[in-house]
Protein backbone atom coordinates (compact mmCIF):
# COMPACT_ATOMS: atom_id res chain seq x y z
CA MET A 1 120.93 105.25 43.66
CA THR A 2 119.66 103.15 40.78
CA ILE A 3 116.94 100.52 41.13
CA VAL A 4 119.65 97.85 40.98
CA ASP A 5 121.36 99.51 43.96
CA THR A 6 118.20 99.64 46.08
CA LEU A 7 117.34 96.03 45.21
CA VAL A 8 120.83 94.91 46.24
CA VAL A 9 120.58 96.87 49.50
CA ALA A 10 117.28 95.10 50.27
CA LEU A 11 118.75 91.70 49.39
CA VAL A 12 121.82 92.26 51.57
CA ALA A 13 119.55 93.42 54.42
CA LEU A 14 117.45 90.26 54.14
CA LEU A 15 120.47 87.93 54.05
CA VAL A 16 122.33 89.66 56.90
CA ASP A 17 119.22 89.68 59.08
CA ALA A 18 118.55 86.00 58.34
CA ALA A 19 122.12 85.05 59.21
CA PHE A 20 122.83 87.26 62.22
CA GLY A 21 119.80 89.30 63.28
CA TYR A 22 120.42 92.36 65.44
CA PRO A 23 123.20 91.49 67.94
CA ASP A 24 122.17 91.63 71.61
CA ARG A 25 125.46 93.28 72.54
CA LEU A 26 124.79 96.07 70.06
CA PHE A 27 121.27 96.50 71.43
CA ARG A 28 122.58 96.77 74.99
CA THR A 29 125.23 99.27 73.89
CA ILE A 30 123.35 101.68 71.61
CA GLY A 31 119.76 100.44 71.55
CA HIS A 32 117.85 99.88 68.31
CA PRO A 33 116.63 102.27 65.58
CA VAL A 34 113.00 101.39 66.32
CA VAL A 35 113.60 102.25 69.99
CA TRP A 36 115.01 105.62 68.93
CA ILE A 37 111.98 106.25 66.71
CA GLY A 38 109.72 105.18 69.56
CA ALA A 39 111.38 107.67 71.90
CA LEU A 40 110.70 110.45 69.37
CA ILE A 41 107.06 109.38 69.06
CA GLY A 42 106.67 109.24 72.82
CA GLY A 43 108.07 112.76 73.19
CA LEU A 44 105.72 114.15 70.53
CA ASP A 45 102.79 112.35 72.12
CA ARG A 46 103.52 113.92 75.51
CA ARG A 47 104.03 117.42 74.11
CA LEU A 48 101.35 117.65 71.41
CA ASN A 49 98.58 115.24 72.38
CA ARG A 50 95.91 116.62 74.71
CA GLY A 51 93.76 113.53 74.50
CA MET A 52 91.07 115.00 72.27
CA VAL A 53 88.11 112.63 71.96
CA PRO A 54 85.83 112.39 68.90
CA ASP A 55 82.17 113.28 69.23
CA PRO A 56 80.18 110.16 70.29
CA GLY A 57 77.84 110.70 67.33
CA GLY A 58 80.72 110.37 64.90
CA ARG A 59 80.81 114.06 64.01
CA LEU A 60 84.05 116.01 64.06
CA ASN A 61 84.13 118.67 66.74
CA CYS A 62 86.71 121.42 67.24
CA ARG A 63 88.71 119.49 69.81
CA ASP A 64 88.79 116.44 67.54
CA VAL A 65 89.97 118.52 64.56
CA SER A 66 92.67 120.05 66.75
CA GLY A 67 93.79 116.60 67.85
CA ARG A 68 94.00 115.37 64.27
CA ILE A 69 96.02 118.41 63.23
CA MET A 70 98.46 117.82 66.06
CA GLY A 71 98.65 114.17 65.03
CA ILE A 72 99.46 115.14 61.44
CA VAL A 73 102.15 117.57 62.63
CA SER A 74 103.59 114.84 64.84
CA LEU A 75 103.56 112.34 61.97
CA VAL A 76 105.39 114.74 59.64
CA VAL A 77 108.10 115.29 62.24
CA LEU A 78 108.55 111.66 63.28
CA ALA A 79 108.60 110.41 59.68
CA GLY A 80 110.62 113.32 58.30
CA VAL A 81 113.45 113.48 60.82
CA PRO A 82 114.53 109.80 60.69
CA THR A 83 114.05 109.68 56.91
CA LEU A 84 116.24 112.76 56.45
CA ALA A 85 118.88 111.21 58.72
CA ALA A 86 118.79 108.01 56.64
CA TRP A 87 119.15 110.00 53.41
CA LEU A 88 122.19 111.82 54.84
CA ILE A 89 123.74 108.50 55.90
CA GLU A 90 123.13 107.09 52.44
CA ARG A 91 124.69 110.14 50.76
CA ALA A 92 127.70 110.02 53.08
CA CYS A 93 128.32 106.32 52.40
CA LEU A 94 128.10 106.76 48.63
CA ARG A 95 130.53 109.69 48.69
CA ALA A 96 133.05 108.28 51.15
CA LEU A 97 133.30 104.66 49.95
CA PRO A 98 133.69 102.79 46.68
CA HIS A 99 130.25 102.13 45.23
CA GLY A 100 130.16 98.40 45.94
CA ALA A 101 131.39 98.85 49.50
CA ALA A 102 128.82 101.60 50.10
CA ILE A 103 125.95 99.41 48.88
CA LEU A 104 127.14 96.54 51.10
CA LEU A 105 127.39 98.81 54.14
CA LEU A 106 123.94 100.28 53.51
CA GLY A 107 122.52 96.77 53.30
CA ILE A 108 124.10 95.87 56.65
CA VAL A 109 122.66 99.03 58.21
CA ALA A 110 119.24 98.31 56.68
CA SER A 111 119.24 94.79 58.15
CA ALA A 112 118.60 96.35 61.57
CA LEU A 113 115.12 97.35 60.36
CA SER A 114 114.09 93.86 59.22
CA ALA A 115 112.49 91.57 61.81
CA GLN A 116 112.97 88.30 59.95
CA ARG A 117 115.21 86.49 62.43
CA SER A 118 113.74 88.00 65.60
CA LEU A 119 110.19 87.13 64.54
CA PHE A 120 111.17 83.52 63.96
CA THR A 121 112.94 83.42 67.33
CA HIS A 122 110.00 84.84 69.29
CA VAL A 123 107.47 82.46 67.74
CA ARG A 124 109.83 79.50 68.11
CA ASP A 125 110.10 80.40 71.83
CA VAL A 126 106.34 79.89 72.12
CA LEU A 127 106.66 76.46 70.50
CA ARG A 128 109.52 75.44 72.77
CA ALA A 129 107.69 76.68 75.86
CA LEU A 130 104.62 74.62 75.00
CA GLU A 131 106.60 71.48 74.19
CA ARG A 132 108.96 71.66 77.16
CA SER A 133 106.96 73.26 79.96
CA GLY A 134 103.28 73.18 79.03
CA LEU A 135 100.44 75.66 78.76
CA GLY A 136 101.53 78.11 81.47
CA ALA A 137 104.93 78.65 79.86
CA GLY A 138 103.27 78.92 76.45
CA ARG A 139 100.97 81.66 77.73
CA THR A 140 103.93 83.58 79.13
CA ALA A 141 105.85 83.30 75.86
CA VAL A 142 102.92 84.29 73.62
CA ALA A 143 102.15 87.31 75.83
CA ARG A 144 105.43 88.81 74.60
CA ILE A 145 104.20 88.97 71.01
CA VAL A 146 100.41 89.48 71.17
CA GLY A 147 98.15 91.95 72.93
CA ARG A 148 95.33 89.64 73.98
CA ASP A 149 94.79 88.27 77.49
CA PRO A 150 96.96 85.12 77.69
CA GLU A 151 95.13 83.72 80.71
CA ALA A 152 92.00 83.37 78.57
CA LEU A 153 93.82 81.11 76.09
CA ASP A 154 93.89 77.33 76.06
CA GLU A 155 96.67 75.56 74.14
CA ALA A 156 94.84 75.91 70.83
CA GLY A 157 94.36 79.61 71.54
CA VAL A 158 98.05 80.07 72.31
CA VAL A 159 99.03 78.33 69.08
CA ARG A 160 96.55 80.28 66.95
CA ALA A 161 97.69 83.57 68.52
CA ALA A 162 101.33 82.77 67.75
CA ILE A 163 100.53 81.78 64.15
CA GLU A 164 98.46 84.93 63.63
CA SER A 165 101.30 87.07 64.96
CA LEU A 166 103.77 85.23 62.72
CA ALA A 167 101.63 85.83 59.63
CA GLU A 168 100.79 89.47 60.32
CA ASN A 169 104.34 90.41 61.33
CA PHE A 170 105.74 88.63 58.30
CA SER A 171 103.92 91.30 56.32
CA ASP A 172 104.69 94.43 58.33
CA GLY A 173 107.96 93.34 59.92
CA VAL A 174 109.68 91.64 56.98
CA VAL A 175 107.99 92.11 53.60
CA ALA A 176 106.97 95.76 53.97
CA PRO A 177 110.31 97.25 55.12
CA LEU A 178 112.21 95.28 52.47
CA LEU A 179 109.73 96.34 49.80
CA TRP A 180 110.15 100.02 50.67
CA CYS A 181 113.91 99.51 50.77
CA ALA A 182 113.88 97.83 47.36
CA VAL A 183 112.07 100.82 45.87
CA PHE A 184 113.57 103.80 47.74
CA GLY A 185 116.66 102.48 49.52
CA LEU A 186 117.48 103.07 53.17
CA PRO A 187 115.38 106.29 53.43
CA GLY A 188 112.30 104.41 52.20
CA MET A 189 112.84 101.66 54.74
CA VAL A 190 113.28 104.15 57.59
CA PHE A 191 110.18 106.09 56.50
CA TYR A 192 108.13 102.89 56.61
CA LYS A 193 109.43 101.87 60.03
CA ALA A 194 108.68 105.33 61.44
CA VAL A 195 105.08 105.20 60.20
CA ASN A 196 104.58 101.61 61.35
CA THR A 197 106.05 102.30 64.79
CA ALA A 198 103.83 105.38 65.13
CA ASP A 199 100.77 103.29 64.35
CA SER A 200 101.73 100.65 66.92
CA MET A 201 102.19 103.31 69.62
CA VAL A 202 99.45 105.89 68.96
CA GLY A 203 97.34 104.51 66.11
CA HIS A 204 94.89 102.55 68.26
CA LEU A 205 91.41 103.83 69.12
CA THR A 206 91.85 104.64 72.81
CA PRO A 207 90.29 107.87 74.14
CA ARG A 208 93.73 109.46 74.31
CA HIS A 209 94.75 108.56 70.75
CA ALA A 210 91.47 108.43 68.83
CA ALA A 211 92.12 111.82 67.22
CA PHE A 212 95.89 112.19 67.65
CA GLY A 213 96.66 108.77 66.16
CA TRP A 214 94.18 109.02 63.27
CA ALA A 215 96.76 110.12 60.68
CA SER A 216 99.30 107.49 61.75
CA ALA A 217 96.74 104.70 61.51
CA ARG A 218 95.48 105.79 58.07
CA LEU A 219 98.98 106.22 56.63
CA ASP A 220 100.09 102.87 58.07
CA ASP A 221 97.14 101.18 56.33
CA LEU A 222 98.25 102.75 53.06
CA VAL A 223 101.97 101.93 53.24
CA ASN A 224 101.23 98.32 54.28
CA LEU A 225 98.74 97.67 51.49
CA PRO A 226 101.15 96.34 48.82
CA ALA A 227 103.22 94.28 51.28
CA SER A 228 100.16 92.55 52.75
CA ARG A 229 99.20 91.30 49.29
CA LEU A 230 102.76 90.24 48.53
CA SER A 231 103.08 88.41 51.85
CA ALA A 232 99.96 86.38 51.07
CA LEU A 233 101.51 85.49 47.69
CA TRP A 234 104.82 84.46 49.29
CA ILE A 235 102.95 82.25 51.79
CA ALA A 236 100.93 80.60 49.02
CA LEU A 237 104.09 79.96 46.98
CA ALA A 238 105.85 78.58 50.07
CA ALA A 239 102.96 76.15 50.54
CA THR A 240 103.67 74.68 47.10
CA LEU A 241 107.19 73.77 48.25
CA LEU A 242 106.19 71.91 51.40
CA PRO A 243 104.41 68.56 51.86
CA ALA A 244 100.97 68.54 53.47
CA MET A 245 100.49 72.26 52.84
CA SER A 246 97.81 73.65 50.57
CA ALA A 247 98.59 76.50 48.19
CA ALA A 248 95.05 76.24 46.82
CA GLY A 249 93.72 76.49 50.37
CA ALA A 250 95.82 79.61 50.94
CA VAL A 251 94.53 81.29 47.77
CA GLY A 252 90.94 80.27 48.51
CA ALA A 253 91.06 81.60 52.07
CA VAL A 254 92.51 84.92 50.91
CA TRP A 255 89.87 85.27 48.20
CA ARG A 256 87.03 84.41 50.57
CA ASP A 257 88.10 85.81 53.96
CA ALA A 258 90.80 88.51 53.75
CA GLY A 259 88.32 91.30 53.10
CA ARG A 260 86.28 90.33 56.17
CA HIS A 261 89.13 91.07 58.59
CA ARG A 262 88.81 94.26 60.66
CA SER A 263 92.23 95.31 59.33
CA PRO A 264 92.48 96.15 55.62
CA ASN A 265 95.88 94.43 55.52
CA ALA A 266 96.30 91.82 58.29
CA GLY A 267 93.63 89.56 56.84
CA TRP A 268 95.71 88.79 53.75
CA PRO A 269 98.69 87.01 55.37
CA GLU A 270 96.52 85.55 58.15
CA ALA A 271 94.04 84.07 55.69
CA ALA A 272 96.86 82.74 53.51
CA MET A 273 98.54 81.07 56.48
CA ALA A 274 95.23 79.63 57.71
CA GLY A 275 94.44 78.16 54.30
CA ALA A 276 97.95 76.77 53.83
CA LEU A 277 97.82 75.00 57.19
CA GLY A 278 94.17 73.93 57.04
CA LEU A 279 93.29 75.95 60.15
CA SER A 280 90.88 78.67 61.19
CA LEU A 281 92.60 81.77 62.59
CA ALA A 282 91.47 85.08 64.09
CA GLY A 283 87.79 84.85 65.10
CA PRO A 284 86.42 86.07 68.46
CA ARG A 285 89.20 87.07 70.88
CA ILE A 286 89.57 88.77 74.25
CA TYR A 287 91.51 92.05 74.54
CA ASP A 288 91.73 93.85 77.90
CA GLY A 289 88.90 91.76 79.25
CA GLU A 290 86.53 92.52 76.36
CA LEU A 291 85.39 90.12 73.64
CA VAL A 292 86.25 91.30 70.12
CA ASP A 293 84.06 89.48 67.61
CA ASP A 294 86.40 89.20 64.61
CA ALA A 295 85.71 87.14 61.50
CA TRP A 296 87.37 83.78 61.04
CA MET A 297 90.18 83.45 58.51
CA GLY A 298 90.10 80.04 56.86
CA ARG A 299 87.66 77.15 57.24
CA GLY A 300 89.90 74.52 58.78
CA ARG A 301 90.43 73.18 62.28
CA ILE A 302 90.18 75.42 65.35
CA ASP A 303 91.90 72.96 67.68
CA ALA A 304 95.46 73.86 66.67
CA GLY A 305 98.39 72.26 68.48
CA ALA A 306 102.16 72.62 68.79
CA PRO A 307 102.76 70.61 65.55
CA ASP A 308 100.73 73.22 63.68
CA LEU A 309 102.95 75.97 65.04
CA ARG A 310 106.00 74.04 63.85
CA ARG A 311 104.40 73.76 60.40
CA ALA A 312 103.68 77.50 60.39
CA LEU A 313 107.33 78.23 61.12
CA ALA A 314 108.28 76.03 58.17
CA VAL A 315 105.92 77.99 55.90
CA TYR A 316 107.42 81.22 57.22
CA ARG A 317 110.99 80.07 56.48
CA TYR A 318 110.08 79.07 52.94
CA ALA A 319 108.16 82.31 52.39
CA CYS A 320 111.33 84.21 53.33
CA ILE A 321 113.27 82.06 50.85
CA VAL A 322 110.71 82.89 48.16
CA GLU A 323 111.16 86.58 48.93
CA ALA A 324 114.97 86.27 48.71
CA ALA A 325 114.70 84.39 45.41
CA THR A 326 112.41 87.10 44.07
CA LEU A 327 114.90 89.82 44.99
CA ILE A 328 117.73 87.88 43.35
CA GLY A 329 115.64 87.48 40.19
CA LEU A 330 114.77 91.20 40.16
CA VAL A 331 118.43 92.17 40.54
CA ALA A 332 119.35 89.89 37.64
CA CYS A 333 116.57 91.31 35.45
CA ALA A 334 117.39 94.93 36.37
CA ARG A 335 121.04 94.39 35.44
């Protein structure tokens, strides 16, 4: 496919996802591509991972090296198999259908791998729970999208957690898959989702996955790097289109704070969102009963409330519009 074709596939995927999302009936009938990828990762984890643990002194020992090798083998399989399947689907569509119809169909298929609508829905559910039923319902709703202990959160903590999840997942759930699709088509999008799903399942530093998930975590950092920077830009541009938002605050927070985040990528959209809203996000948090002393993103208020979450959703919607407008402009220029 040409670059115009891949850009159009990404644009169609964005628009279809925004309008319809992934239908619940389809999910109940055949599942979801990310669920299929997750099943493959789980099978490889059970068969190849022996829970090798790195040496406490930071040195690589034989068991750790073995675990990393098995993790690399697993990553090659779980990224290669779905990507090959996507390439075969793409080839089949282009050969069996008129070119325009094939591009449209590939865009519809690709829309399943964008989380634009579902992310908005999940975060909006937190807002509605807080406004309609109070803190307890808000904690229950936010627990579906974040990993921290919800019982340790007050209302401000629930709101900040939801906004942080919105910002971070805008990057790796919306911008990144569409970026890889725009460059490499459906196979690029599937490759990204396989790597990102692997990182979410085995890329964390637990004793079982410290060695086995090393390759997945490092590759995920790499493939998310350009999208995290773009997502911060989209958020800053969205802030220029909305009243009472600060594009300058978004840029300033990114410049000052993004590099202080423990993630090489998550700090960019989180800092941009914090600066746009005039809030402080991230900071010390509790995971599995332990305090994680993260840096603050932004220098605004800590006492966030439900109106701030509504404002964050508005920034998110406009950032998605900015992304769509950018794709349209790129298609026009490429033609």
